[in-house]
Amino acid sequence: WDSISKLALMAEIKKNWKKNLTVDEIKKFQQVK
C-alpha cells in the first residue's frame, strides 16, 4: 500500500465507478471497508 498503488486505486475508481478520489480522501482510508 504505497503511493503507486494509491494512484492505481484512483484510476480504477474513476474508470469503474466514475468517481473522483482525492489524496485527502485516500489518507482517510484505514481499512478496506
All heavy atoms as atom14 arrays in JSON, in Angstrom:
{
  "sequence": "WDSISKLALMAEIKKNWKKNLTVDEIKKFQQVK",
  "atom14_mask": [
    [1, 1, 1, 1, 1, 1, 1, 1, 1, 1, 1, 1, 1, 1],
    [1, 1, 1, 1, 1, 1, 1, 1, 0, 0, 0, 0, 0, 0],
    [1, 1, 1, 1, 1, 1, 0, 0, 0, 0, 0, 0, 0, 0],
    [1, 1, 1, 1, 1, 1, 1, 1, 0, 0, 0, 0, 0, 0],
    [1, 1, 1, 1, 1, 1, 0, 0, 0, 0, 0, 0, 0, 0],
    [1, 1, 1, 1, 1, 1, 1, 1, 1, 0, 0, 0, 0, 0],
    [1, 1, 1, 1, 1, 1, 1, 1, 0, 0, 0, 0, 0, 0],
    [1, 1, 1, 1, 1, 0, 0, 0, 0, 0, 0, 0, 0, 0],
    [1, 1, 1, 1, 1, 1, 1, 1, 0, 0, 0, 0, 0, 0],
    [1, 1, 1, 1, 1, 1, 1, 1, 0, 0, 0, 0, 0, 0],
    [1, 1, 1, 1, 1, 0, 0, 0, 0, 0, 0, 0, 0, 0],
    [1, 1, 1, 1, 1, 1, 1, 1, 1, 0, 0, 0, 0, 0],
    [1, 1, 1, 1, 1, 1, 1, 1, 0, 0, 0, 0, 0, 0],
    [1, 1, 1, 1, 1, 1, 1, 1, 1, 0, 0, 0, 0, 0],
    [1, 1, 1, 1, 1, 1, 1, 1, 1, 0, 0, 0, 0, 0],
    [1, 1, 1, 1, 1, 1, 1, 1, 0, 0, 0, 0, 0, 0],
    [1, 1, 1, 1, 1, 1, 1, 1, 1, 1, 1, 1, 1, 1],
    [1, 1, 1, 1, 1, 1, 1, 1, 1, 0, 0, 0, 0, 0],
    [1, 1, 1, 1, 1, 1, 1, 1, 1, 0, 0, 0, 0, 0],
    [1, 1, 1, 1, 1, 1, 1, 1, 0, 0, 0, 0, 0, 0],
    [1, 1, 1, 1, 1, 1, 1, 1, 0, 0, 0, 0, 0, 0],
    [1, 1, 1, 1, 1, 1, 1, 0, 0, 0, 0, 0, 0, 0],
    [1, 1, 1, 1, 1, 1, 1, 0, 0, 0, 0, 0, 0, 0],
    [1, 1, 1, 1, 1, 1, 1, 1, 0, 0, 0, 0, 0, 0],
    [1, 1, 1, 1, 1, 1, 1, 1, 1, 0, 0, 0, 0, 0],
    [1, 1, 1, 1, 1, 1, 1, 1, 0, 0, 0, 0, 0, 0],
    [1, 1, 1, 1, 1, 1, 1, 1, 1, 0, 0, 0, 0, 0],
    [1, 1, 1, 1, 1, 1, 1, 1, 1, 0, 0, 0, 0, 0],
    [1, 1, 1, 1, 1, 1, 1, 1, 1, 1, 1, 0, 0, 0],
    [1, 1, 1, 1, 1, 1, 1, 1, 1, 0, 0, 0, 0, 0],
    [1, 1, 1, 1, 1, 1, 1, 1, 1, 0, 0, 0, 0, 0],
    [1, 1, 1, 1, 1, 1, 1, 0, 0, 0, 0, 0, 0, 0],
    [1, 1, 1, 1, 1, 1, 1, 1, 1, 0, 0, 0, 0, 0]
  ],
  "atom14_positions": [
    [[0.87, -1.19, 0.0], [0.0, 0.0, 0.0], [0.91, 1.24, 0.0], [1.22, 1.82, 1.01], [-0.93, -0.02, 1.21], [-1.89, 1.11, 1.33], [-1.93, 2.03, 2.32], [-2.99, 1.43, 0.46], [-2.96, 2.91, 2.12], [-3.63, 2.56, 0.98], [-3.48, 0.87, -0.72], [-4.74, 3.14, 0.37], [-4.58, 1.46, -1.31], [-5.2, 2.58, -0.78]],
    [[1.33, 1.63, -1.21], [2.25, 2.76, -1.35], [1.67, 3.78, -2.32], [0.53, 3.66, -2.76], [3.63, 2.27, -1.82], [3.57, 1.51, -3.14], [2.54, 1.6, -3.85], [4.55, 0.83, -3.47], [0.0, 0.0, 0.0], [0.0, 0.0, 0.0], [0.0, 0.0, 0.0], [0.0, 0.0, 0.0], [0.0, 0.0, 0.0], [0.0, 0.0, 0.0]],
    [[2.46, 4.79, -2.65], [1.95, 5.87, -3.5], [1.55, 5.38, -4.89], [0.56, 5.86, -5.46], [2.98, 6.99, -3.61], [4.2, 6.5, -4.13], [0.0, 0.0, 0.0], [0.0, 0.0, 0.0], [0.0, 0.0, 0.0], [0.0, 0.0, 0.0], [0.0, 0.0, 0.0], [0.0, 0.0, 0.0], [0.0, 0.0, 0.0], [0.0, 0.0, 0.0]],
    [[2.27, 4.42, -5.43], [1.93, 3.88, -6.75], [0.59, 3.15, -6.71], [-0.26, 3.33, -7.59], [3.04, 2.94, -7.27], [4.39, 3.66, -7.36], [2.64, 2.31, -8.61], [4.42, 4.8, -8.36], [0.0, 0.0, 0.0], [0.0, 0.0, 0.0], [0.0, 0.0, 0.0], [0.0, 0.0, 0.0], [0.0, 0.0, 0.0], [0.0, 0.0, 0.0]],
    [[0.37, 2.35, -5.68], [-0.89, 1.62, -5.58], [-2.05, 2.58, -5.32], [-3.17, 2.35, -5.78], [-0.81, 0.54, -4.5], [-0.55, 1.09, -3.24], [0.0, 0.0, 0.0], [0.0, 0.0, 0.0], [0.0, 0.0, 0.0], [0.0, 0.0, 0.0], [0.0, 0.0, 0.0], [0.0, 0.0, 0.0], [0.0, 0.0, 0.0], [0.0, 0.0, 0.0]],
    [[-1.79, 3.67, -4.61], [-2.84, 4.66, -4.37], [-3.24, 5.35, -5.67], [-4.42, 5.6, -5.92], [-2.39, 5.66, -3.31], [-2.28, 5.02, -1.93], [-1.66, 5.96, -0.92], [-1.44, 5.22, 0.39], [-0.72, 6.03, 1.36], [0.0, 0.0, 0.0], [0.0, 0.0, 0.0], [0.0, 0.0, 0.0], [0.0, 0.0, 0.0], [0.0, 0.0, 0.0]],
    [[-2.26, 5.65, -6.51], [-2.56, 6.24, -7.82], [-3.35, 5.26, -8.68], [-4.3, 5.65, -9.37], [-1.27, 6.63, -8.54], [-0.56, 7.88, -8.03], [0.79, 8.04, -8.71], [-1.41, 9.11, -8.24], [0.0, 0.0, 0.0], [0.0, 0.0, 0.0], [0.0, 0.0, 0.0], [0.0, 0.0, 0.0], [0.0, 0.0, 0.0], [0.0, 0.0, 0.0]],
    [[-2.98, 3.99, -8.63], [-3.71, 2.96, -9.38], [-5.14, 2.85, -8.87], [-6.08, 2.69, -9.67], [-2.99, 1.62, -9.26], [0.0, 0.0, 0.0], [0.0, 0.0, 0.0], [0.0, 0.0, 0.0], [0.0, 0.0, 0.0], [0.0, 0.0, 0.0], [0.0, 0.0, 0.0], [0.0, 0.0, 0.0], [0.0, 0.0, 0.0], [0.0, 0.0, 0.0]],
    [[-5.32, 2.96, -7.56], [-6.67, 2.91, -6.99], [-7.5, 4.09, -7.5], [-8.66, 3.92, -7.87], [-6.6, 2.92, -5.46], [-7.95, 2.94, -4.75], [-8.73, 1.66, -5.03], [-7.76, 3.13, -3.25], [0.0, 0.0, 0.0], [0.0, 0.0, 0.0], [0.0, 0.0, 0.0], [0.0, 0.0, 0.0], [0.0, 0.0, 0.0], [0.0, 0.0, 0.0]],
    [[-6.91, 5.26, -7.53], [-7.61, 6.45, -8.04], [-8.08, 6.21, -9.47], [-9.22, 6.53, -9.82], [-6.69, 7.68, -7.97], [-6.4, 8.15, -6.58], [-5.14, 9.44, -6.53], [-6.12, 10.87, -6.94], [0.0, 0.0, 0.0], [0.0, 0.0, 0.0], [0.0, 0.0, 0.0], [0.0, 0.0, 0.0], [0.0, 0.0, 0.0], [0.0, 0.0, 0.0]],
    [[-7.21, 5.66, -10.29], [-7.54, 5.41, -11.7], [-8.65, 4.36, -11.83], [-9.58, 4.53, -12.64], [-6.3, 4.96, -12.46], [0.0, 0.0, 0.0], [0.0, 0.0, 0.0], [0.0, 0.0, 0.0], [0.0, 0.0, 0.0], [0.0, 0.0, 0.0], [0.0, 0.0, 0.0], [0.0, 0.0, 0.0], [0.0, 0.0, 0.0], [0.0, 0.0, 0.0]],
    [[-8.57, 3.29, -11.07], [-9.57, 2.22, -11.14], [-10.94, 2.71, -10.68], [-11.97, 2.36, -11.27], [-9.14, 1.01, -10.31], [-8.05, 0.19, -10.95], [-8.49, -0.48, -12.23], [-9.59, -1.07, -12.28], [-7.74, -0.4, -13.22], [0.0, 0.0, 0.0], [0.0, 0.0, 0.0], [0.0, 0.0, 0.0], [0.0, 0.0, 0.0], [0.0, 0.0, 0.0]],
    [[-10.96, 3.51, -9.64], [-12.24, 4.02, -9.13], [-12.86, 4.97, -10.16], [-14.06, 4.93, -10.4], [-12.05, 4.7, -7.75], [-11.84, 3.61, -6.7], [-13.24, 5.58, -7.4], [-11.57, 4.1, -5.31], [0.0, 0.0, 0.0], [0.0, 0.0, 0.0], [0.0, 0.0, 0.0], [0.0, 0.0, 0.0], [0.0, 0.0, 0.0], [0.0, 0.0, 0.0]],
    [[-12.03, 5.79, -10.78], [-12.55, 6.7, -11.81], [-13.1, 5.9, -13.0], [-14.17, 6.19, -13.53], [-11.45, 7.64, -12.28], [-11.89, 8.57, -13.37], [-11.34, 9.95, -13.15], [-11.83, 10.87, -14.23], [-12.59, 11.96, -13.71], [0.0, 0.0, 0.0], [0.0, 0.0, 0.0], [0.0, 0.0, 0.0], [0.0, 0.0, 0.0], [0.0, 0.0, 0.0]],
    [[-12.37, 4.85, -13.39], [-12.76, 4.03, -14.54], [-14.02, 3.2, -14.26], [-14.94, 3.16, -15.07], [-11.6, 3.11, -14.92], [-11.86, 2.22, -16.11], [-10.6, 1.46, -16.47], [-10.87, -0.02, -16.34], [-9.68, -0.83, -16.57], [0.0, 0.0, 0.0], [0.0, 0.0, 0.0], [0.0, 0.0, 0.0], [0.0, 0.0, 0.0], [0.0, 0.0, 0.0]],
    [[-14.06, 2.55, -13.11], [-15.14, 1.6, -12.81], [-16.35, 2.2, -12.11], [-17.46, 1.69, -12.24], [-14.61, 0.44, -11.98], [-13.61, -0.39, -12.74], [-13.8, -0.69, -13.91], [-12.51, -0.75, -12.11], [0.0, 0.0, 0.0], [0.0, 0.0, 0.0], [0.0, 0.0, 0.0], [0.0, 0.0, 0.0], [0.0, 0.0, 0.0], [0.0, 0.0, 0.0]],
    [[-16.13, 3.25, -11.31], [-17.24, 3.82, -10.54], [-17.53, 5.27, -10.92], [-18.42, 5.89, -10.36], [-16.94, 3.74, -9.04], [-17.21, 2.38, -8.48], [-18.4, 1.91, -8.01], [-16.27, 1.31, -8.29], [-18.25, 0.63, -7.56], [-16.96, 0.23, -7.71], [-14.9, 1.17, -8.54], [-16.34, -0.96, -7.4], [-14.29, -0.02, -8.23], [-15.0, -1.08, -7.66]],
    [[-16.75, 5.83, -11.85], [-16.96, 7.21, -12.31], [-16.94, 8.22, -11.16], [-17.66, 9.2, -11.15], [-18.29, 7.35, -13.07], [-18.5, 6.32, -14.15], [-17.54, 6.49, -15.3], [-17.9, 5.56, -16.44], [-16.88, 4.66, -16.84], [0.0, 0.0, 0.0], [0.0, 0.0, 0.0], [0.0, 0.0, 0.0], [0.0, 0.0, 0.0], [0.0, 0.0, 0.0]],
    [[-16.1, 7.94, -10.15], [-15.97, 8.84, -9.01], [-14.53, 9.34, -8.95], [-13.6, 8.59, -9.23], [-16.29, 8.13, -7.69], [-17.75, 7.78, -7.53], [-17.99, 7.14, -6.19], [-18.77, 8.1, -5.34], [-19.12, 7.55, -4.04], [0.0, 0.0, 0.0], [0.0, 0.0, 0.0], [0.0, 0.0, 0.0], [0.0, 0.0, 0.0], [0.0, 0.0, 0.0]],
    [[-14.38, 10.59, -8.58], [-13.04, 11.15, -8.4], [-12.62, 10.96, -6.95], [-13.38, 11.26, -6.03], [-13.02, 12.64, -8.75], [-13.15, 12.86, -10.23], [-12.55, 12.16, -11.03], [-13.95, 13.84, -10.62], [0.0, 0.0, 0.0], [0.0, 0.0, 0.0], [0.0, 0.0, 0.0], [0.0, 0.0, 0.0], [0.0, 0.0, 0.0], [0.0, 0.0, 0.0]],
    [[-11.43, 10.46, -6.77], [-10.87, 10.19, -5.46], [-9.7, 11.14, -5.26], [-8.79, 11.19, -6.09], [-10.41, 8.73, -5.38], [-9.78, 8.23, -4.11], [-10.77, 8.34, -2.95], [-9.36, 6.78, -4.27], [0.0, 0.0, 0.0], [0.0, 0.0, 0.0], [0.0, 0.0, 0.0], [0.0, 0.0, 0.0], [0.0, 0.0, 0.0], [0.0, 0.0, 0.0]],
    [[-9.71, 11.9, -4.16], [-8.63, 12.84, -3.9], [-7.6, 12.23, -2.96], [-7.87, 11.24, -2.28], [-9.16, 14.14, -3.26], [-9.66, 13.83, -1.95], [-10.25, 14.78, -4.11], [0.0, 0.0, 0.0], [0.0, 0.0, 0.0], [0.0, 0.0, 0.0], [0.0, 0.0, 0.0], [0.0, 0.0, 0.0], [0.0, 0.0, 0.0], [0.0, 0.0, 0.0]],
    [[-6.45, 12.85, -2.9], [-5.39, 12.4, -2.0], [-5.87, 12.47, -0.56], [-5.6, 11.57, 0.25], [-4.11, 13.24, -2.21], [-3.06, 12.9, -1.16], [-3.56, 13.04, -3.6], [0.0, 0.0, 0.0], [0.0, 0.0, 0.0], [0.0, 0.0, 0.0], [0.0, 0.0, 0.0], [0.0, 0.0, 0.0], [0.0, 0.0, 0.0], [0.0, 0.0, 0.0]],
    [[-6.59, 13.53, -0.22], [-7.1, 13.67, 1.15], [-8.06, 12.54, 1.51], [-8.05, 12.05, 2.64], [-7.8, 15.02, 1.33], [-6.81, 16.18, 1.36], [-5.64, 15.97, 1.71], [-7.22, 17.31, 1.03], [0.0, 0.0, 0.0], [0.0, 0.0, 0.0], [0.0, 0.0, 0.0], [0.0, 0.0, 0.0], [0.0, 0.0, 0.0], [0.0, 0.0, 0.0]],
    [[-8.87, 12.12, 0.55], [-9.79, 11.02, 0.81], [-9.02, 9.71, 0.99], [-9.35, 8.91, 1.87], [-10.8, 10.9, -0.33], [-11.8, 12.04, -0.34], [-12.59, 12.17, -1.61], [-12.05, 11.85, -2.69], [-13.74, 12.62, -1.54], [0.0, 0.0, 0.0], [0.0, 0.0, 0.0], [0.0, 0.0, 0.0], [0.0, 0.0, 0.0], [0.0, 0.0, 0.0]],
    [[-8.0, 9.5, 0.19], [-7.18, 8.29, 0.34], [-6.52, 8.24, 1.71], [-6.45, 7.18, 2.33], [-6.11, 8.2, -0.77], [-6.78, 7.83, -2.09], [-5.05, 7.16, -0.43], [-5.83, 7.71, -3.25], [0.0, 0.0, 0.0], [0.0, 0.0, 0.0], [0.0, 0.0, 0.0], [0.0, 0.0, 0.0], [0.0, 0.0, 0.0], [0.0, 0.0, 0.0]],
    [[-6.07, 9.37, 2.2], [-5.42, 9.41, 3.52], [-6.35, 8.97, 4.63], [-5.9, 8.49, 5.67], [-4.9, 10.83, 3.81], [-3.7, 11.21, 2.99], [-3.26, 12.63, 3.31], [-2.08, 13.05, 2.45], [-1.68, 14.44, 2.71], [0.0, 0.0, 0.0], [0.0, 0.0, 0.0], [0.0, 0.0, 0.0], [0.0, 0.0, 0.0], [0.0, 0.0, 0.0]],
    [[-7.66, 9.12, 4.42], [-8.64, 8.72, 5.43], [-8.89, 7.22, 5.45], [-9.44, 6.69, 6.41], [-9.96, 9.46, 5.18], [-9.86, 10.95, 5.39], [-11.18, 11.63, 5.07], [-11.04, 13.14, 5.12], [-12.25, 13.82, 4.67], [0.0, 0.0, 0.0], [0.0, 0.0, 0.0], [0.0, 0.0, 0.0], [0.0, 0.0, 0.0], [0.0, 0.0, 0.0]],
    [[-8.51, 6.52, 4.37], [-8.72, 5.08, 4.3], [-7.78, 4.36, 5.26], [-6.57, 4.43, 5.11], [-8.49, 4.54, 2.89], [-9.44, 5.05, 1.84], [-9.07, 5.05, 0.52], [-10.7, 5.51, 2.18], [-9.93, 5.51, -0.47], [-11.58, 5.98, 1.21], [-11.2, 5.97, -0.12], [0.0, 0.0, 0.0], [0.0, 0.0, 0.0], [0.0, 0.0, 0.0]],
    [[-8.37, 3.69, 6.25], [-7.57, 2.91, 7.18], [-7.73, 1.41, 6.96], [-6.8, 0.66, 7.15], [-7.94, 3.28, 8.62], [-7.57, 4.71, 8.95], [-7.92, 5.07, 10.37], [-8.24, 4.21, 11.19], [-7.85, 6.35, 10.69], [0.0, 0.0, 0.0], [0.0, 0.0, 0.0], [0.0, 0.0, 0.0], [0.0, 0.0, 0.0], [0.0, 0.0, 0.0]],
    [[-8.93, 1.03, 6.55], [-9.22, -0.38, 6.29], [-9.91, -0.51, 4.94], [-10.41, 0.47, 4.38], [-10.13, -0.95, 7.39], [-9.46, -0.96, 8.75], [-10.38, -1.51, 9.82], [-11.55, -1.19, 9.85], [-9.83, -2.34, 10.7], [0.0, 0.0, 0.0], [0.0, 0.0, 0.0], [0.0, 0.0, 0.0], [0.0, 0.0, 0.0], [0.0, 0.0, 0.0]],
    [[-9.94, -1.72, 4.42], [-10.58, -1.98, 3.14], [-12.03, -1.52, 3.15], [-12.53, -0.94, 2.18], [-10.46, -3.48, 2.77], [-11.26, -3.8, 1.52], [-9.0, -3.88, 2.59], [0.0, 0.0, 0.0], [0.0, 0.0, 0.0], [0.0, 0.0, 0.0], [0.0, 0.0, 0.0], [0.0, 0.0, 0.0], [0.0, 0.0, 0.0], [0.0, 0.0, 0.0]],
    [[-12.7, -1.71, 4.27], [-14.12, -1.33, 4.35], [-14.31, 0.16, 4.15], [-15.37, 0.6, 3.71], [-14.76, -1.82, 5.64], [-14.21, -1.23, 6.9], [-14.87, -1.87, 8.11], [-14.15, -1.5, 9.39], [-14.63, -2.3, 10.51], [0.0, 0.0, 0.0], [0.0, 0.0, 0.0], [0.0, 0.0, 0.0], [0.0, 0.0, 0.0], [0.0, 0.0, 0.0]]
  ]
}
